[in-house]
Amino acid sequence: MKPAHIKSQRQKEVRSIRKRQYQILLEQKALGYIKLEKPIRHGWFKELVITTHVERYKNQEHILEIYKSLIKSFWGRTKEEADRKWKAETSKYLINKDIPTLSKRRYNQLSDEAKCLCVPFYYYTEKKKLKLRFYVNLPQGTYKIKFTRAYVTHSKRIDPELESEAALLSQELLKNEYYNISHKGLGWRDRWQTSLNRKEKLKINCILRELKKHPIQSICNQILSWERN
């Protein structure tokens, strides 16, 4: 067991390393992008495009509002990959093979007039939970689905000094004296991905903590009275 002052010192060092890592990320983001003189071909998009026929409709504004809320395109290295991603999304809820659907959160952000173009439906998730989504009922001539070429038009700026410093800081956190602190002591744990066994253990621990607040004799008396009844 290491002395408390050594542990606290190493925790401070880990915090300072993480703080510097965050600052480096901000500095790298602030570098921006460089526009390429000649765009580079990079895969395909399968996308939903609004046509000029939308101008014939009185509710053009609300159709465009819904269009902004939709997932409009999927990228793939080939046409087949982009088409596969599109079909995986549009056929996921078994309601329409052409247009992606809206989630409840995106639906709530629409105006009342735009909501009239949406049809609610319920579906079961893989975990057999009933959820709500909304099918978008756009007029047939107002949209089309097509493939378009994808291009890389900008290149990210890279600072070699920041890259090397970030790599060195990552290596520092892998040292024996820092690893346990950074990955366990100060690490963030994702409770959304908690397994069922972990949840059961947490419930049992909560019950045991409550039982520890009472004397053993009173618990035994309660058990005996329950068995008699």
Protein backbone atom coordinates (compact mmCIF):
# COMPACT_ATOMS: atom_id res chain seq x y z
CA MET A 1 0.00 0.00 0.00
CA LYS A 2 1.52 3.31 -1.15
CA PRO A 3 1.47 6.31 1.20
CA ALA A 4 -1.46 8.69 0.79
CA HIS A 5 0.71 11.64 -0.23
CA ILE A 6 2.24 9.66 -3.15
CA LYS A 7 -1.24 8.67 -4.38
CA SER A 8 -2.53 12.22 -4.21
CA GLN A 9 0.58 13.49 -6.02
CA ARG A 10 0.12 11.00 -8.84
CA GLN A 11 -3.57 11.84 -9.11
CA LYS A 12 -2.63 15.50 -9.57
CA GLU A 13 -0.12 14.53 -12.26
CA VAL A 14 -2.76 12.45 -14.09
CA ARG A 15 -5.23 15.35 -13.93
CA SER A 16 -2.63 17.74 -15.34
CA ILE A 17 -1.86 15.31 -18.19
CA ARG A 18 -5.55 14.98 -19.05
CA LYS A 19 -5.99 18.74 -18.89
CA ARG A 20 -3.12 19.19 -21.33
CA GLN A 21 -4.58 16.51 -23.63
CA TYR A 22 -7.86 18.43 -23.73
CA GLN A 23 -6.01 21.67 -24.53
CA ILE A 24 -4.17 19.93 -27.37
CA LEU A 25 -7.49 18.73 -28.82
CA LEU A 26 -8.80 22.30 -28.78
CA GLU A 27 -5.61 23.60 -30.42
CA GLN A 28 -5.79 20.90 -33.11
CA LYS A 29 -9.41 21.76 -33.79
CA ALA A 30 -8.59 25.46 -34.06
CA LEU A 31 -6.03 24.78 -36.82
CA GLY A 32 -8.87 24.38 -39.30
CA TYR A 33 -8.68 22.99 -42.84
CA ILE A 34 -6.88 23.78 -46.08
CA LYS A 35 -8.89 23.88 -49.32
CA LEU A 36 -7.45 21.55 -51.95
CA GLU A 37 -6.68 22.96 -55.39
CA LYS A 38 -8.06 19.83 -57.01
CA PRO A 39 -10.77 17.77 -55.20
CA ILE A 40 -10.06 14.06 -54.71
CA ARG A 41 -12.67 11.43 -55.63
CA HIS A 42 -13.71 9.55 -52.51
CA GLY A 43 -16.68 7.17 -52.78
CA TRP A 44 -20.38 7.78 -53.40
CA PHE A 45 -23.41 9.28 -51.68
CA LYS A 46 -26.91 7.88 -51.92
CA GLU A 47 -29.09 10.81 -51.00
CA LEU A 48 -32.60 12.20 -50.89
CA VAL A 49 -32.92 15.36 -52.99
CA ILE A 50 -35.81 17.83 -53.19
CA THR A 51 -36.87 18.60 -56.78
CA THR A 52 -38.17 21.84 -58.28
CA HIS A 53 -41.71 20.39 -58.26
CA VAL A 54 -41.92 21.32 -54.59
CA GLU A 55 -42.60 24.91 -55.67
CA ARG A 56 -46.05 23.85 -56.88
CA TYR A 57 -47.22 23.06 -53.34
CA LYS A 58 -48.63 25.59 -50.91
CA ASN A 59 -46.96 23.85 -48.00
CA GLN A 60 -43.50 24.09 -49.60
CA GLU A 61 -42.09 25.68 -46.45
CA HIS A 62 -43.17 22.75 -44.25
CA ILE A 63 -41.91 20.14 -46.74
CA LEU A 64 -38.48 21.80 -46.65
CA GLU A 65 -38.65 21.94 -42.85
CA ILE A 66 -39.14 18.17 -42.71
CA TYR A 67 -36.40 17.67 -45.30
CA LYS A 68 -33.91 19.46 -43.03
CA SER A 69 -34.76 17.10 -40.16
CA LEU A 70 -34.32 13.90 -42.18
CA ILE A 71 -31.17 11.83 -42.60
CA LYS A 72 -30.62 12.79 -46.24
CA SER A 73 -27.55 10.81 -47.36
CA PHE A 74 -25.32 7.81 -46.69
CA TRP A 75 -21.71 7.50 -47.84
CA GLY A 76 -19.94 4.41 -49.13
CA ARG A 77 -16.68 3.61 -50.91
CA THR A 78 -18.74 2.06 -53.69
CA LYS A 79 -22.31 2.45 -54.92
CA GLU A 80 -23.11 -0.98 -53.48
CA GLU A 81 -21.88 0.01 -50.02
CA ALA A 82 -23.84 3.29 -50.04
CA ASP A 83 -26.96 1.44 -51.25
CA ARG A 84 -26.54 -1.19 -48.52
CA LYS A 85 -26.31 1.48 -45.80
CA TRP A 86 -29.38 3.27 -47.21
CA LYS A 87 -31.45 0.06 -47.28
CA ALA A 88 -30.32 -0.87 -43.77
CA GLU A 89 -31.65 2.46 -42.46
CA THR A 90 -34.88 2.68 -44.47
CA SER A 91 -35.91 -0.96 -43.93
CA LYS A 92 -34.97 -1.01 -40.24
CA TYR A 93 -38.50 -0.18 -39.07
CA LEU A 94 -40.38 -1.98 -41.88
CA ILE A 95 -42.58 0.98 -42.81
CA ASN A 96 -41.19 2.49 -46.01
CA LYS A 97 -38.37 1.47 -48.36
CA ASP A 98 -37.67 4.93 -49.78
CA ILE A 99 -37.55 7.63 -47.12
CA PRO A 100 -35.84 7.46 -43.69
CA THR A 101 -38.13 7.99 -40.70
CA LEU A 102 -38.05 10.59 -37.93
CA SER A 103 -37.42 9.99 -34.26
CA LYS A 104 -39.76 11.38 -31.62
CA ARG A 105 -37.21 14.02 -30.61
CA ARG A 106 -36.87 15.36 -34.16
CA TYR A 107 -40.64 15.21 -34.64
CA ASN A 108 -41.20 17.38 -31.54
CA GLN A 109 -38.93 20.06 -33.04
CA LEU A 110 -41.20 20.51 -36.09
CA SER A 111 -43.95 23.08 -36.45
CA ASP A 112 -47.59 22.02 -36.15
CA GLU A 113 -48.12 22.30 -39.93
CA ALA A 114 -45.08 20.10 -40.65
CA LYS A 115 -46.25 17.52 -38.10
CA CYS A 116 -49.40 17.01 -40.20
CA LEU A 117 -47.20 15.40 -42.89
CA CYS A 118 -45.90 12.78 -40.43
CA VAL A 119 -47.61 9.50 -39.54
CA PRO A 120 -46.77 7.84 -36.19
CA PHE A 121 -46.06 4.13 -35.93
CA TYR A 122 -44.81 1.80 -33.22
CA TYR A 123 -42.12 -0.83 -33.58
CA TYR A 124 -40.26 -3.30 -31.37
CA THR A 125 -36.53 -2.98 -30.78
CA GLU A 126 -34.14 -5.93 -30.57
CA LYS A 127 -34.71 -5.93 -26.80
CA LYS A 128 -38.50 -6.21 -27.36
CA LYS A 129 -39.21 -2.64 -26.28
CA LEU A 130 -42.04 -0.73 -27.92
CA LYS A 131 -40.90 2.59 -29.39
CA LEU A 132 -42.43 5.38 -31.44
CA ARG A 133 -41.21 6.82 -34.76
CA PHE A 134 -42.76 8.89 -37.53
CA TYR A 135 -43.09 8.09 -41.22
CA VAL A 136 -42.74 11.14 -43.48
CA ASN A 137 -45.53 11.44 -46.04
CA LEU A 138 -43.88 13.67 -48.68
CA PRO A 139 -45.70 14.20 -52.01
CA GLN A 140 -44.37 11.81 -54.65
CA GLY A 141 -42.99 14.37 -57.10
CA THR A 142 -41.22 16.56 -54.57
CA TYR A 143 -38.21 14.30 -54.04
CA LYS A 144 -35.96 11.79 -55.74
CA ILE A 145 -33.25 9.41 -54.55
CA LYS A 146 -30.00 9.31 -56.50
CA PHE A 147 -26.29 8.52 -56.34
CA THR A 148 -23.76 11.37 -56.40
CA ARG A 149 -19.99 11.29 -56.45
CA ALA A 150 -18.26 12.16 -53.18
CA TYR A 151 -15.17 14.37 -53.15
CA VAL A 152 -12.60 15.40 -50.55
CA THR A 153 -12.36 19.18 -50.91
CA HIS A 154 -10.40 20.12 -47.76
CA SER A 155 -7.39 18.74 -45.92
CA LYS A 156 -6.95 19.01 -42.17
CA ARG A 157 -4.04 21.13 -40.93
CA ILE A 158 -1.54 19.12 -38.87
CA ASP A 159 0.95 20.50 -36.36
CA PRO A 160 3.76 17.92 -35.86
CA GLU A 161 4.68 19.30 -32.45
CA LEU A 162 1.12 18.92 -31.13
CA GLU A 163 0.88 15.40 -32.61
CA SER A 164 4.12 14.27 -30.96
CA GLU A 165 3.16 15.86 -27.62
CA ALA A 166 -0.24 14.12 -27.67
CA ALA A 167 1.46 10.76 -28.37
CA LEU A 168 3.92 11.29 -25.50
CA LEU A 169 1.11 12.14 -23.06
CA SER A 170 -0.79 8.99 -24.07
CA GLN A 171 2.36 6.95 -23.41
CA GLU A 172 2.76 8.62 -20.00
CA LEU A 173 -0.69 7.42 -18.92
CA LEU A 174 0.29 3.83 -19.78
CA LYS A 175 3.08 3.76 -17.20
CA ASN A 176 2.61 1.48 -14.22
CA GLU A 177 2.33 4.31 -11.70
CA TYR A 178 -0.32 6.13 -13.76
CA TYR A 179 -2.28 3.34 -15.44
CA ASN A 180 -4.45 2.27 -12.49
CA ILE A 181 -5.21 5.86 -11.55
CA SER A 182 -6.10 7.00 -15.07
CA HIS A 183 -8.15 3.91 -16.02
CA LYS A 184 -9.72 3.02 -12.68
CA GLY A 185 -9.28 5.68 -10.05
CA LEU A 186 -10.16 8.70 -12.20
CA GLY A 187 -11.64 6.91 -15.20
CA TRP A 188 -15.16 7.56 -16.47
CA ARG A 189 -17.32 4.46 -16.66
CA ASP A 190 -20.20 4.13 -19.08
CA ARG A 191 -23.21 3.06 -17.01
CA TRP A 192 -25.42 2.92 -20.12
CA GLN A 193 -23.60 -0.25 -21.16
CA THR A 194 -23.92 -1.93 -17.76
CA SER A 195 -24.47 -5.68 -18.07
CA LEU A 196 -27.39 -7.49 -16.44
CA ASN A 197 -25.08 -9.23 -13.95
CA ARG A 198 -23.62 -5.88 -12.98
CA LYS A 199 -27.12 -4.44 -12.46
CA GLU A 200 -28.08 -7.39 -10.24
CA LYS A 201 -24.95 -6.91 -8.15
CA LEU A 202 -25.72 -3.20 -7.76
CA LYS A 203 -29.25 -4.01 -6.56
CA ILE A 204 -27.93 -6.57 -4.06
CA ASN A 205 -25.34 -4.11 -2.76
CA CYS A 206 -28.04 -1.47 -2.25
CA ILE A 207 -30.13 -3.95 -0.27
CA LEU A 208 -27.13 -4.98 1.84
CA ARG A 209 -26.29 -1.36 2.60
CA GLU A 210 -29.83 -0.86 3.87
CA LEU A 211 -29.65 -4.01 5.99
CA LYS A 212 -26.39 -2.91 7.60
CA LYS A 213 -28.21 0.07 9.07
CA HIS A 214 -30.32 -2.25 11.29
CA PRO A 215 -29.14 -4.59 14.08
CA ILE A 216 -28.90 -8.29 13.23
CA GLN A 217 -31.41 -9.29 15.96
CA SER A 218 -34.20 -7.15 14.50
CA ILE A 219 -33.62 -8.66 11.02
CA CYS A 220 -33.74 -12.20 12.44
CA ASN A 221 -36.99 -11.42 14.27
CA GLN A 222 -38.55 -10.13 11.05
CA ILE A 223 -37.51 -13.32 9.19
CA LEU A 224 -38.96 -15.54 11.92
CA SER A 225 -42.25 -13.66 11.99
CA TRP A 226 -42.48 -13.89 8.19
CA GLU A 227 -41.89 -17.69 8.31
CA ARG A 228 -44.59 -18.16 10.96
CA ASN A 229 -47.13 -16.27 8.87
